[in-house]
Amino acid sequence: ITHSAVATVKEVDAAKGKVILAHEAIQSLNWPPMTMGFTVKDRALFGKLKVGKQVHVDIKKEGAEYVVVGVR
């Protein structure tokens, strides 16, 4: 299952493959708006992740964590 959210990029650490996003509520997960870190599955997505930019992200649960699998 892939979940979508609108988020503002707060921090990017391409070397570690991580991003911190302040996302709106994600209805499909019953998550309120919050700021949290995610692993980014494909390093090519870092080209679309700039601090301060508002993006639409697709996240998916992989193991125990949620991973960004798409950025629009």
PDB file of N, CA and C in Angstrom:
ATOM      1  N   ILE A   1       0.865  -1.195   0.000  1.00  0.00           N
ATOM      2  CA  ILE A   1       0.000   0.000   0.000  1.00  0.00           C
ATOM      3  C   ILE A   1       0.890   1.230   0.000  1.00  0.00           C
ATOM      4  N   THR A   2       0.607   2.149  -0.909  1.00  0.00           N
ATOM      5  CA  THR A   2       1.342   3.412  -0.971  1.00  0.00           C
ATOM      6  C   THR A   2       0.429   4.513  -0.454  1.00  0.00           C
ATOM      7  N   HIS A   3       0.985   5.374   0.394  1.00  0.00           N
ATOM      8  CA  HIS A   3       0.247   6.489   0.979  1.00  0.00           C
ATOM      9  C   HIS A   3       0.820   7.784   0.417  1.00  0.00           C
ATOM     10  N   SER A   4      -0.041   8.772   0.187  1.00  0.00           N
ATOM     11  CA  SER A   4       0.405  10.051  -0.368  1.00  0.00           C
ATOM     12  C   SER A   4       0.171  11.163   0.625  1.00  0.00           C
ATOM     13  N   ALA A   5       1.079  12.165   0.574  1.00  0.00           N
ATOM     14  CA  ALA A   5       0.951  13.311   1.472  1.00  0.00           C
ATOM     15  C   ALA A   5       1.581  14.535   0.831  1.00  0.00           C
ATOM     16  N   VAL A   6       1.103  15.691   1.270  1.00  0.00           N
ATOM     17  CA  VAL A   6       1.740  16.954   0.911  1.00  0.00           C
ATOM     18  C   VAL A   6       2.658  17.284   2.073  1.00  0.00           C
ATOM     19  N   ALA A   7       3.900  17.641   1.755  1.00  0.00           N
ATOM     20  CA  ALA A   7       4.880  17.886   2.805  1.00  0.00           C
ATOM     21  C   ALA A   7       5.823  19.014   2.412  1.00  0.00           C
ATOM     22  N   THR A   8       6.388  19.642   3.440  1.00  0.00           N
ATOM     23  CA  THR A   8       7.436  20.639   3.229  1.00  0.00           C
ATOM     24  C   THR A   8       8.753  20.005   3.644  1.00  0.00           C
ATOM     25  N   VAL A   9       9.742  20.132   2.795  1.00  0.00           N
ATOM     26  CA  VAL A   9      11.062  19.552   3.072  1.00  0.00           C
ATOM     27  C   VAL A   9      11.772  20.420   4.113  1.00  0.00           C
ATOM     28  N   LYS A  10      12.156  19.809   5.236  1.00  0.00           N
ATOM     29  CA  LYS A  10      12.828  20.526   6.320  1.00  0.00           C
ATOM     30  C   LYS A  10      14.331  20.314   6.309  1.00  0.00           C
ATOM     31  N   GLU A  11      14.764  19.115   5.957  1.00  0.00           N
ATOM     32  CA  GLU A  11      16.185  18.790   6.001  1.00  0.00           C
ATOM     33  C   GLU A  11      16.448  17.660   5.018  1.00  0.00           C
ATOM     34  N   VAL A  12      17.596  17.695   4.378  1.00  0.00           N
ATOM     35  CA  VAL A  12      17.965  16.663   3.413  1.00  0.00           C
ATOM     36  C   VAL A  12      19.369  16.171   3.738  1.00  0.00           C
ATOM     37  N   ASP A  13      19.523  14.861   3.843  1.00  0.00           N
ATOM     38  CA  ASP A  13      20.846  14.263   4.050  1.00  0.00           C
ATOM     39  C   ASP A  13      21.015  13.150   3.020  1.00  0.00           C
ATOM     40  N   ALA A  14      21.410  13.555   1.809  1.00  0.00           N
ATOM     41  CA  ALA A  14      21.532  12.590   0.715  1.00  0.00           C
ATOM     42  C   ALA A  14      22.590  11.537   1.018  1.00  0.00           C
ATOM     43  N   ALA A  15      23.639  11.923   1.741  1.00  0.00           N
ATOM     44  CA  ALA A  15      24.714  10.968   2.052  1.00  0.00           C
ATOM     45  C   ALA A  15      24.180   9.795   2.868  1.00  0.00           C
ATOM     46  N   LYS A  16      23.238  10.073   3.774  1.00  0.00           N
ATOM     47  CA  LYS A  16      22.650   9.017   4.605  1.00  0.00           C
ATOM     48  C   LYS A  16      21.351   8.472   4.018  1.00  0.00           C
ATOM     49  N   GLY A  17      20.871   9.090   2.920  1.00  0.00           N
ATOM     50  CA  GLY A  17      19.638   8.621   2.291  1.00  0.00           C
ATOM     51  C   GLY A  17      18.394   8.972   3.078  1.00  0.00           C
ATOM     52  N   LYS A  18      18.433  10.118   3.803  1.00  0.00           N
ATOM     53  CA  LYS A  18      17.323  10.500   4.682  1.00  0.00           C
ATOM     54  C   LYS A  18      16.800  11.889   4.334  1.00  0.00           C
ATOM     55  N   VAL A  19      15.536  12.094   4.682  1.00  0.00           N
ATOM     56  CA  VAL A  19      14.916  13.410   4.526  1.00  0.00           C
ATOM     57  C   VAL A  19      13.995  13.623   5.723  1.00  0.00           C
ATOM     58  N   ILE A  20      13.895  14.878   6.175  1.00  0.00           N
ATOM     59  CA  ILE A  20      12.937  15.219   7.230  1.00  0.00           C
ATOM     60  C   ILE A  20      11.846  16.054   6.576  1.00  0.00           C
ATOM     61  N   LEU A  21      10.612  15.594   6.758  1.00  0.00           N
ATOM     62  CA  LEU A  21       9.451  16.235   6.143  1.00  0.00           C
ATOM     63  C   LEU A  21       8.457  16.674   7.209  1.00  0.00           C
ATOM     64  N   ALA A  22       7.864  17.851   6.989  1.00  0.00           N
ATOM     65  CA  ALA A  22       6.728  18.294   7.796  1.00  0.00           C
ATOM     66  C   ALA A  22       5.515  18.014   6.922  1.00  0.00           C
ATOM     67  N   HIS A  23       4.816  16.921   7.221  1.00  0.00           N
ATOM     68  CA  HIS A  23       3.710  16.520   6.343  1.00  0.00           C
ATOM     69  C   HIS A  23       2.350  16.872   6.933  1.00  0.00           C
ATOM     70  N   GLU A  24       1.394  17.019   6.022  1.00  0.00           N
ATOM     71  CA  GLU A  24      -0.001  17.230   6.420  1.00  0.00           C
ATOM     72  C   GLU A  24      -0.536  15.901   6.943  1.00  0.00           C
ATOM     73  N   ALA A  25      -1.747  15.917   7.451  1.00  0.00           N
ATOM     74  CA  ALA A  25      -2.371  14.677   7.932  1.00  0.00           C
ATOM     75  C   ALA A  25      -2.408  13.653   6.803  1.00  0.00           C
ATOM     76  N   ILE A  26      -2.121  12.400   7.138  1.00  0.00           N
ATOM     77  CA  ILE A  26      -2.186  11.316   6.158  1.00  0.00           C
ATOM     78  C   ILE A  26      -3.361  10.430   6.572  1.00  0.00           C
ATOM     79  N   GLN A  27      -4.486  10.642   5.904  1.00  0.00           N
ATOM     80  CA  GLN A  27      -5.734   9.974   6.277  1.00  0.00           C
ATOM     81  C   GLN A  27      -5.611   8.452   6.267  1.00  0.00           C
ATOM     82  N   SER A  28      -4.940   7.920   5.238  1.00  0.00           N
ATOM     83  CA  SER A  28      -4.870   6.465   5.091  1.00  0.00           C
ATOM     84  C   SER A  28      -4.074   5.787   6.207  1.00  0.00           C
ATOM     85  N   LEU A  29      -3.286   6.560   6.947  1.00  0.00           N
ATOM     86  CA  LEU A  29      -2.522   6.012   8.064  1.00  0.00           C
ATOM     87  C   LEU A  29      -3.055   6.481   9.421  1.00  0.00           C
ATOM     88  N   ASN A  30      -4.076   7.344   9.381  1.00  0.00           N
ATOM     89  CA  ASN A  30      -4.596   7.974  10.603  1.00  0.00           C
ATOM     90  C   ASN A  30      -3.503   8.747  11.336  1.00  0.00           C
ATOM     91  N   TRP A  31      -2.615   9.387  10.563  1.00  0.00           N
ATOM     92  CA  TRP A  31      -1.543  10.193  11.137  1.00  0.00           C
ATOM     93  C   TRP A  31      -1.954  11.657  11.134  1.00  0.00           C
ATOM     94  N   PRO A  32      -1.723  12.367  12.240  1.00  0.00           N
ATOM     95  CA  PRO A  32      -1.940  13.817  12.248  1.00  0.00           C
ATOM     96  C   PRO A  32      -0.766  14.495  11.531  1.00  0.00           C
ATOM     97  N   PRO A  33      -0.887  15.788  11.280  1.00  0.00           N
ATOM     98  CA  PRO A  33       0.259  16.499  10.701  1.00  0.00           C
ATOM     99  C   PRO A  33       1.439  16.393  11.669  1.00  0.00           C
ATOM    100  N   MET A  34       2.627  16.150  11.154  1.00  0.00           N
ATOM    101  CA  MET A  34       3.819  16.091  12.012  1.00  0.00           C
ATOM    102  C   MET A  34       5.079  16.220  11.181  1.00  0.00           C
ATOM    103  N   THR A  35       6.185  16.408  11.879  1.00  0.00           N
ATOM    104  CA  THR A  35       7.490  16.467  11.236  1.00  0.00           C
ATOM    105  C   THR A  35       8.231  15.204  11.623  1.00  0.00           C
ATOM    106  N   MET A  36       8.728  14.480  10.624  1.00  0.00           N
ATOM    107  CA  MET A  36       9.416  13.227  10.897  1.00  0.00           C
ATOM    108  C   MET A  36      10.412  12.898   9.802  1.00  0.00           C
ATOM    109  N   GLY A  37      11.313  11.981  10.125  1.00  0.00           N
ATOM    110  CA  GLY A  37      12.327  11.579   9.165  1.00  0.00           C
ATOM    111  C   GLY A  37      11.902  10.347   8.391  1.00  0.00           C
ATOM    112  N   PHE A  38      12.335  10.283   7.155  1.00  0.00           N
ATOM    113  CA  PHE A  38      12.060   9.140   6.288  1.00  0.00           C
ATOM    114  C   PHE A  38      13.338   8.746   5.569  1.00  0.00           C
ATOM    115  N   THR A  39      13.459   7.462   5.255  1.00  0.00           N
ATOM    116  CA  THR A  39      14.496   6.995   4.348  1.00  0.00           C
ATOM    117  C   THR A  39      13.959   7.220   2.936  1.00  0.00           C
ATOM    118  N   VAL A  40      14.832   7.571   2.007  1.00  0.00           N
ATOM    119  CA  VAL A  40      14.443   7.767   0.606  1.00  0.00           C
ATOM    120  C   VAL A  40      14.938   6.563  -0.182  1.00  0.00           C
ATOM    121  N   LYS A  41      13.998   5.849  -0.820  1.00  0.00           N
ATOM    122  CA  LYS A  41      14.321   4.585  -1.494  1.00  0.00           C
ATOM    123  C   LYS A  41      15.286   4.760  -2.661  1.00  0.00           C
ATOM    124  N   ASP A  42      15.020   5.734  -3.506  1.00  0.00           N
ATOM    125  CA  ASP A  42      15.812   5.919  -4.723  1.00  0.00           C
ATOM    126  C   ASP A  42      16.574   7.242  -4.629  1.00  0.00           C
ATOM    127  N   ARG A  43      17.889   7.180  -4.681  1.00  0.00           N
ATOM    128  CA  ARG A  43      18.709   8.397  -4.543  1.00  0.00           C
ATOM    129  C   ARG A  43      18.395   9.437  -5.625  1.00  0.00           C
ATOM    130  N   ALA A  44      17.855   9.017  -6.755  1.00  0.00           N
ATOM    131  CA  ALA A  44      17.497   9.960  -7.818  1.00  0.00           C
ATOM    132  C   ALA A  44      16.435  10.954  -7.340  1.00  0.00           C
ATOM    133  N   LEU A  45      15.650  10.581  -6.323  1.00  0.00           N
ATOM    134  CA  LEU A  45      14.595  11.464  -5.813  1.00  0.00           C
ATOM    135  C   LEU A  45      15.157  12.692  -5.097  1.00  0.00           C
ATOM    136  N   PHE A  46      16.414  12.630  -4.660  1.00  0.00           N
ATOM    137  CA  PHE A  46      16.980  13.779  -3.950  1.00  0.00           C
ATOM    138  C   PHE A  46      17.041  15.029  -4.813  1.00  0.00           C
ATOM    139  N   GLY A  47      17.031  14.871  -6.129  1.00  0.00           N
ATOM    140  CA  GLY A  47      17.000  16.029  -7.021  1.00  0.00           C
ATOM    141  C   GLY A  47      15.730  16.848  -6.869  1.00  0.00           C
ATOM    142  N   LYS A  48      14.669  16.226  -6.366  1.00  0.00           N
ATOM    143  CA  LYS A  48      13.378  16.908  -6.189  1.00  0.00           C
ATOM    144  C   LYS A  48      13.160  17.363  -4.744  1.00  0.00           C
ATOM    145  N   LEU A  49      14.086  17.014  -3.854  1.00  0.00           N
ATOM    146  CA  LEU A  49      13.924  17.332  -2.432  1.00  0.00           C
ATOM    147  C   LEU A  49      14.848  18.472  -2.037  1.00  0.00           C
ATOM    148  N   LYS A  50      14.313  19.680  -2.018  1.00  0.00           N
ATOM    149  CA  LYS A  50      15.076  20.864  -1.648  1.00  0.00           C
ATOM    150  C   LYS A  50      14.449  21.463  -0.391  1.00  0.00           C
ATOM    151  N   VAL A  51      15.287  21.866   0.557  1.00  0.00           N
ATOM    152  CA  VAL A  51      14.800  22.444   1.811  1.00  0.00           C
ATOM    153  C   VAL A  51      13.889  23.630   1.512  1.00  0.00           C
ATOM    154  N   GLY A  52      12.718  23.639   2.155  1.00  0.00           N
ATOM    155  CA  GLY A  52      11.748  24.714   1.996  1.00  0.00           C
ATOM    156  C   GLY A  52      10.723  24.465   0.900  1.00  0.00           C
ATOM    157  N   LYS A  53      10.948  23.464   0.063  1.00  0.00           N
ATOM    158  CA  LYS A  53      10.045  23.185  -1.056  1.00  0.00           C
ATOM    159  C   LYS A  53       8.859  22.339  -0.592  1.00  0.00           C
ATOM    160  N   GLN A  54       7.685  22.663  -1.129  1.00  0.00           N
ATOM    161  CA  GLN A  54       6.504  21.840  -0.852  1.00  0.00           C
ATOM    162  C   GLN A  54       6.415  20.779  -1.938  1.00  0.00           C
ATOM    163  N   VAL A  55       6.247  19.527  -1.521  1.00  0.00           N
ATOM    164  CA  VAL A  55       6.218  18.408  -2.465  1.00  0.00           C
ATOM    165  C   VAL A  55       5.070  17.463  -2.127  1.00  0.00           C
ATOM    166  N   HIS A  56       4.710  16.649  -3.095  1.00  0.00           N
ATOM    167  CA  HIS A  56       3.772  15.542  -2.875  1.00  0.00           C
ATOM    168  C   HIS A  56       4.644  14.308  -2.801  1.00  0.00           C
ATOM    169  N   VAL A  57       4.556  13.587  -1.687  1.00  0.00           N
ATOM    170  CA  VAL A  57       5.380  12.390  -1.536  1.00  0.00           C
ATOM    171  C   VAL A  57       4.501  11.149  -1.461  1.00  0.00           C
ATOM    172  N   ASP A  58       5.054  10.054  -1.944  1.00  0.00           N
ATOM    173  CA  ASP A  58       4.426   8.738  -1.811  1.00  0.00           C
ATOM    174  C   ASP A  58       5.309   7.971  -0.840  1.00  0.00           C
ATOM    175  N   ILE A  59       4.673   7.410   0.198  1.00  0.00           N
ATOM    176  CA  ILE A  59       5.439   6.639   1.164  1.00  0.00           C
ATOM    177  C   ILE A  59       4.848   5.242   1.285  1.00  0.00           C
ATOM    178  N   LYS A  60       5.727   4.313   1.624  1.00  0.00           N
ATOM    179  CA  LYS A  60       5.332   2.915   1.710  1.00  0.00           C
ATOM    180  C   LYS A  60       6.033   2.305   2.911  1.00  0.00           C
ATOM    181  N   LYS A  61       5.350   1.409   3.611  1.00  0.00           N
ATOM    182  CA  LYS A  61       5.976   0.725   4.740  1.00  0.00           C
ATOM    183  C   LYS A  61       6.873  -0.380   4.222  1.00  0.00           C
ATOM    184  N   GLU A  62       8.122  -0.359   4.662  1.00  0.00           N
ATOM    185  CA  GLU A  62       9.074  -1.413   4.314  1.00  0.00           C
ATOM    186  C   GLU A  62       9.720  -1.863   5.615  1.00  0.00           C
ATOM    187  N   GLY A  63       9.416  -3.055   6.035  1.00  0.00           N
ATOM    188  CA  GLY A  63       9.912  -3.528   7.323  1.00  0.00           C
ATOM    189  C   GLY A  63       9.253  -2.723   8.431  1.00  0.00           C
ATOM    190  N   ALA A  64      10.069  -2.146   9.302  1.00  0.00           N
ATOM    191  CA  ALA A  64       9.529  -1.394  10.434  1.00  0.00           C
ATOM    192  C   ALA A  64       9.424   0.107  10.148  1.00  0.00           C
ATOM    193  N   GLU A  65       9.877   0.544   8.981  1.00  0.00           N
ATOM    194  CA  GLU A  65       9.860   1.984   8.726  1.00  0.00           C
ATOM    195  C   GLU A  65       9.097   2.355   7.463  1.00  0.00           C
ATOM    196  N   TYR A  66       8.789   3.646   7.367  1.00  0.00           N
ATOM    197  CA  TYR A  66       8.133   4.181   6.185  1.00  0.00           C
ATOM    198  C   TYR A  66       9.184   4.841   5.317  1.00  0.00           C
ATOM    199  N   VAL A  67       9.116   4.556   4.025  1.00  0.00           N
ATOM    200  CA  VAL A  67      10.135   4.975   3.073  1.00  0.00           C
ATOM    201  C   VAL A  67       9.497   5.829   1.980  1.00  0.00           C
ATOM    202  N   VAL A  68      10.160   6.914   1.584  1.00  0.00           N
ATOM    203  CA  VAL A  68       9.681   7.736   0.476  1.00  0.00           C
ATOM    204  C   VAL A  68      10.015   6.998  -0.823  1.00  0.00           C
ATOM    205  N   VAL A  69       8.963   6.684  -1.593  1.00  0.00           N
ATOM    206  CA  VAL A  69       9.159   5.960  -2.854  1.00  0.00           C
ATOM    207  C   VAL A  69       8.848   6.808  -4.078  1.00  0.00           C
ATOM    208  N   GLY A  70       8.293   8.012  -3.860  1.00  0.00           N
ATOM    209  CA  GLY A  70       7.987   8.897  -4.978  1.00  0.00           C
ATOM    210  C   GLY A  70       7.906  10.336  -4.523  1.00  0.00           C
ATOM    211  N   VAL A  71       8.285  11.267  -5.415  1.00  0.00           N
ATOM    212  CA  VAL A  71       8.203  12.697  -5.129  1.00  0.00           C
ATOM    213  C   VAL A  71       7.666  13.379  -6.385  1.00  0.00           C
ATOM    214  N   ARG A  72       6.645  14.235  -6.198  1.00  0.00           N
ATOM    215  CA  ARG A  72       6.097  14.991  -7.330  1.00  0.00           C
ATOM    216  C   ARG A  72       6.098  16.464  -6.964  1.00  0.00           C
TER     217      ARG A  72
END
